[in-house]
Amino acid sequence: MTDFTDLISQAKKMQEKMKETQEALKKIEVEGVSGGNAVKIIMNGDGELKKVTFSEASKKEPKEILEDLIVAAHNDAKSKLKKKTTEEISKVTGGIGLPPGFKFPL
């Protein structure tokens, strides 16, 4: 019976750590860039877009190019956020991978 009690205790500890990690993840900010820093995007841990900045040179680009640069910077930020989120979750789970298809928190 002791093993089962230990297992429950460990599960509760992990649940508490996950809750703390979820709060910490919300505070993460990543920067996505494109076009040699022509466009920069700041995204938080909830995947919300916080800021978009353009270099002076980017303002001279055609509309279509600027649109592509924004999408590329967003994708860069999203990729960095996913990597950072995975790293933080890995700290809590002790490197145990999450099930395939599990998306947290994005």
C-alpha atoms as a PDB file:
ATOM      1  CA  MET A   1       0.000   0.000   0.000  1.00  0.00           C
ATOM      2  CA  THR A   2       2.937   2.301   0.611  1.00  0.00           C
ATOM      3  CA  ASP A   3       3.892   2.263  -3.069  1.00  0.00           C
ATOM      4  CA  PHE A   4       0.436   3.453  -4.071  1.00  0.00           C
ATOM      5  CA  THR A   5       0.548   6.244  -1.464  1.00  0.00           C
ATOM      6  CA  ASP A   6       3.963   7.318  -2.739  1.00  0.00           C
ATOM      7  CA  LEU A   7       2.658   7.317  -6.294  1.00  0.00           C
ATOM      8  CA  ILE A   8      -0.287   9.530  -5.335  1.00  0.00           C
ATOM      9  CA  SER A   9       2.056  11.875  -3.448  1.00  0.00           C
ATOM     10  CA  GLN A  10       4.383  12.132  -6.454  1.00  0.00           C
ATOM     11  CA  ALA A  11       1.443  12.800  -8.778  1.00  0.00           C
ATOM     12  CA  LYS A  12       0.248  15.627  -6.529  1.00  0.00           C
ATOM     13  CA  LYS A  13       3.728  17.149  -6.464  1.00  0.00           C
ATOM     14  CA  MET A  14       3.955  16.978 -10.245  1.00  0.00           C
ATOM     15  CA  GLN A  15       0.507  18.549 -10.546  1.00  0.00           C
ATOM     16  CA  GLU A  16       1.633  21.445  -8.336  1.00  0.00           C
ATOM     17  CA  LYS A  17       4.802  21.878 -10.397  1.00  0.00           C
ATOM     18  CA  MET A  18       2.776  21.874 -13.616  1.00  0.00           C
ATOM     19  CA  LYS A  19       0.510  24.579 -12.223  1.00  0.00           C
ATOM     20  CA  GLU A  20       3.564  26.682 -11.324  1.00  0.00           C
ATOM     21  CA  THR A  21       5.028  26.029 -14.760  1.00  0.00           C
ATOM     22  CA  GLN A  22       1.797  27.107 -16.483  1.00  0.00           C
ATOM     23  CA  GLU A  23       1.980  30.424 -14.645  1.00  0.00           C
ATOM     24  CA  ALA A  24       5.665  30.813 -15.527  1.00  0.00           C
ATOM     25  CA  LEU A  25       4.950  30.023 -19.184  1.00  0.00           C
ATOM     26  CA  LYS A  26       2.476  32.887 -19.374  1.00  0.00           C
ATOM     27  CA  LYS A  27       5.292  35.279 -18.479  1.00  0.00           C
ATOM     28  CA  ILE A  28       7.618  34.090 -21.234  1.00  0.00           C
ATOM     29  CA  GLU A  29       8.255  36.482 -24.101  1.00  0.00           C
ATOM     30  CA  VAL A  30       9.976  35.556 -27.341  1.00  0.00           C
ATOM     31  CA  GLU A  31      11.068  37.657 -30.286  1.00  0.00           C
ATOM     32  CA  GLY A  32      10.556  36.520 -33.840  1.00  0.00           C
ATOM     33  CA  VAL A  33      12.492  38.236 -36.614  1.00  0.00           C
ATOM     34  CA  SER A  34      12.563  38.183 -40.381  1.00  0.00           C
ATOM     35  CA  GLY A  35      14.241  39.961 -43.256  1.00  0.00           C
ATOM     36  CA  GLY A  36      17.480  40.572 -41.370  1.00  0.00           C
ATOM     37  CA  ASN A  37      15.636  42.278 -38.492  1.00  0.00           C
ATOM     38  CA  ALA A  38      13.368  44.208 -40.860  1.00  0.00           C
ATOM     39  CA  VAL A  39      10.347  42.957 -38.889  1.00  0.00           C
ATOM     40  CA  LYS A  40      10.324  41.946 -35.230  1.00  0.00           C
ATOM     41  CA  ILE A  41       7.420  40.426 -33.348  1.00  0.00           C
ATOM     42  CA  ILE A  42       7.106  39.934 -29.593  1.00  0.00           C
ATOM     43  CA  MET A  43       4.838  37.097 -28.469  1.00  0.00           C
ATOM     44  CA  ASN A  44       4.000  36.014 -24.921  1.00  0.00           C
ATOM     45  CA  GLY A  45       3.656  32.516 -23.481  1.00  0.00           C
ATOM     46  CA  ASP A  46      -0.072  32.453 -24.217  1.00  0.00           C
ATOM     47  CA  GLY A  47       0.708  32.941 -27.901  1.00  0.00           C
ATOM     48  CA  GLU A  48      -0.602  36.494 -27.875  1.00  0.00           C
ATOM     49  CA  LEU A  49       1.026  39.004 -30.165  1.00  0.00           C
ATOM     50  CA  LYS A  50       2.346  41.818 -27.980  1.00  0.00           C
ATOM     51  CA  LYS A  51       4.300  44.047 -30.347  1.00  0.00           C
ATOM     52  CA  VAL A  52       5.291  44.414 -33.992  1.00  0.00           C
ATOM     53  CA  THR A  53       8.157  46.676 -35.066  1.00  0.00           C
ATOM     54  CA  PHE A  54       9.454  47.558 -38.503  1.00  0.00           C
ATOM     55  CA  SER A  55      12.881  48.832 -39.486  1.00  0.00           C
ATOM     56  CA  GLU A  56      13.038  52.025 -41.530  1.00  0.00           C
ATOM     57  CA  ALA A  57      14.219  50.004 -44.534  1.00  0.00           C
ATOM     58  CA  SER A  58      11.214  47.690 -44.346  1.00  0.00           C
ATOM     59  CA  LYS A  59       8.852  50.640 -44.733  1.00  0.00           C
ATOM     60  CA  LYS A  60      10.128  51.115 -48.287  1.00  0.00           C
ATOM     61  CA  GLU A  61       9.265  47.537 -49.266  1.00  0.00           C
ATOM     62  CA  PRO A  62       6.176  46.730 -51.347  1.00  0.00           C
ATOM     63  CA  LYS A  63       3.084  45.755 -49.391  1.00  0.00           C
ATOM     64  CA  GLU A  64       3.324  42.084 -50.419  1.00  0.00           C
ATOM     65  CA  ILE A  65       6.936  41.809 -49.199  1.00  0.00           C
ATOM     66  CA  LEU A  66       6.061  43.421 -45.878  1.00  0.00           C
ATOM     67  CA  GLU A  67       3.126  41.050 -45.438  1.00  0.00           C
ATOM     68  CA  ASP A  68       5.436  38.071 -46.049  1.00  0.00           C
ATOM     69  CA  LEU A  69       7.980  39.443 -43.570  1.00  0.00           C
ATOM     70  CA  ILE A  70       5.282  39.767 -40.895  1.00  0.00           C
ATOM     71  CA  VAL A  71       4.164  36.174 -41.422  1.00  0.00           C
ATOM     72  CA  ALA A  72       7.779  34.948 -41.333  1.00  0.00           C
ATOM     73  CA  ALA A  73       8.520  36.859 -38.100  1.00  0.00           C
ATOM     74  CA  HIS A  74       5.348  35.478 -36.528  1.00  0.00           C
ATOM     75  CA  ASN A  75       6.290  31.933 -37.511  1.00  0.00           C
ATOM     76  CA  ASP A  76       9.780  32.472 -36.086  1.00  0.00           C
ATOM     77  CA  ALA A  77       8.325  33.684 -32.776  1.00  0.00           C
ATOM     78  CA  LYS A  78       5.882  30.786 -32.644  1.00  0.00           C
ATOM     79  CA  SER A  79       8.694  28.293 -33.234  1.00  0.00           C
ATOM     80  CA  LYS A  80      10.828  29.861 -30.503  1.00  0.00           C
ATOM     81  CA  LEU A  81       7.877  29.852 -28.114  1.00  0.00           C
ATOM     82  CA  LYS A  82       7.203  26.173 -28.762  1.00  0.00           C
ATOM     83  CA  LYS A  83      10.861  25.328 -28.106  1.00  0.00           C
ATOM     84  CA  LYS A  84      10.983  27.364 -24.901  1.00  0.00           C
ATOM     85  CA  THR A  85       7.685  25.896 -23.689  1.00  0.00           C
ATOM     86  CA  THR A  86       8.926  22.369 -24.344  1.00  0.00           C
ATOM     87  CA  GLU A  87      12.117  23.095 -22.399  1.00  0.00           C
ATOM     88  CA  GLU A  88      10.181  24.398 -19.400  1.00  0.00           C
ATOM     89  CA  ILE A  89       7.792  21.439 -19.383  1.00  0.00           C
ATOM     90  CA  SER A  90      10.719  19.047 -19.676  1.00  0.00           C
ATOM     91  CA  LYS A  91      12.151  20.489 -16.453  1.00  0.00           C
ATOM     92  CA  VAL A  92       8.926  19.601 -14.629  1.00  0.00           C
ATOM     93  CA  THR A  93       8.454  16.165 -16.139  1.00  0.00           C
ATOM     94  CA  GLY A  94      12.100  15.226 -15.672  1.00  0.00           C
ATOM     95  CA  GLY A  95      12.611  14.720 -19.374  1.00  0.00           C
ATOM     96  CA  ILE A  96       9.679  12.356 -19.738  1.00  0.00           C
ATOM     97  CA  GLY A  97       8.141  13.191 -23.071  1.00  0.00           C
ATOM     98  CA  LEU A  98       4.508  14.124 -23.327  1.00  0.00           C
ATOM     99  CA  PRO A  99       2.199  11.925 -25.382  1.00  0.00           C
ATOM    100  CA  PRO A 100       2.241  12.520 -29.137  1.00  0.00           C
ATOM    101  CA  GLY A 101      -0.205  15.227 -30.150  1.00  0.00           C
ATOM    102  CA  PHE A 102      -0.294  16.743 -26.657  1.00  0.00           C
ATOM    103  CA  LYS A 103      -0.254  20.517 -27.039  1.00  0.00           C
ATOM    104  CA  PHE A 104       0.603  22.552 -24.007  1.00  0.00           C
ATOM    105  CA  PRO A 105      -0.255  25.388 -23.697  1.00  0.00           C
ATOM    106  CA  LEU A 106      -0.474  26.365 -27.344  1.00  0.00           C
END
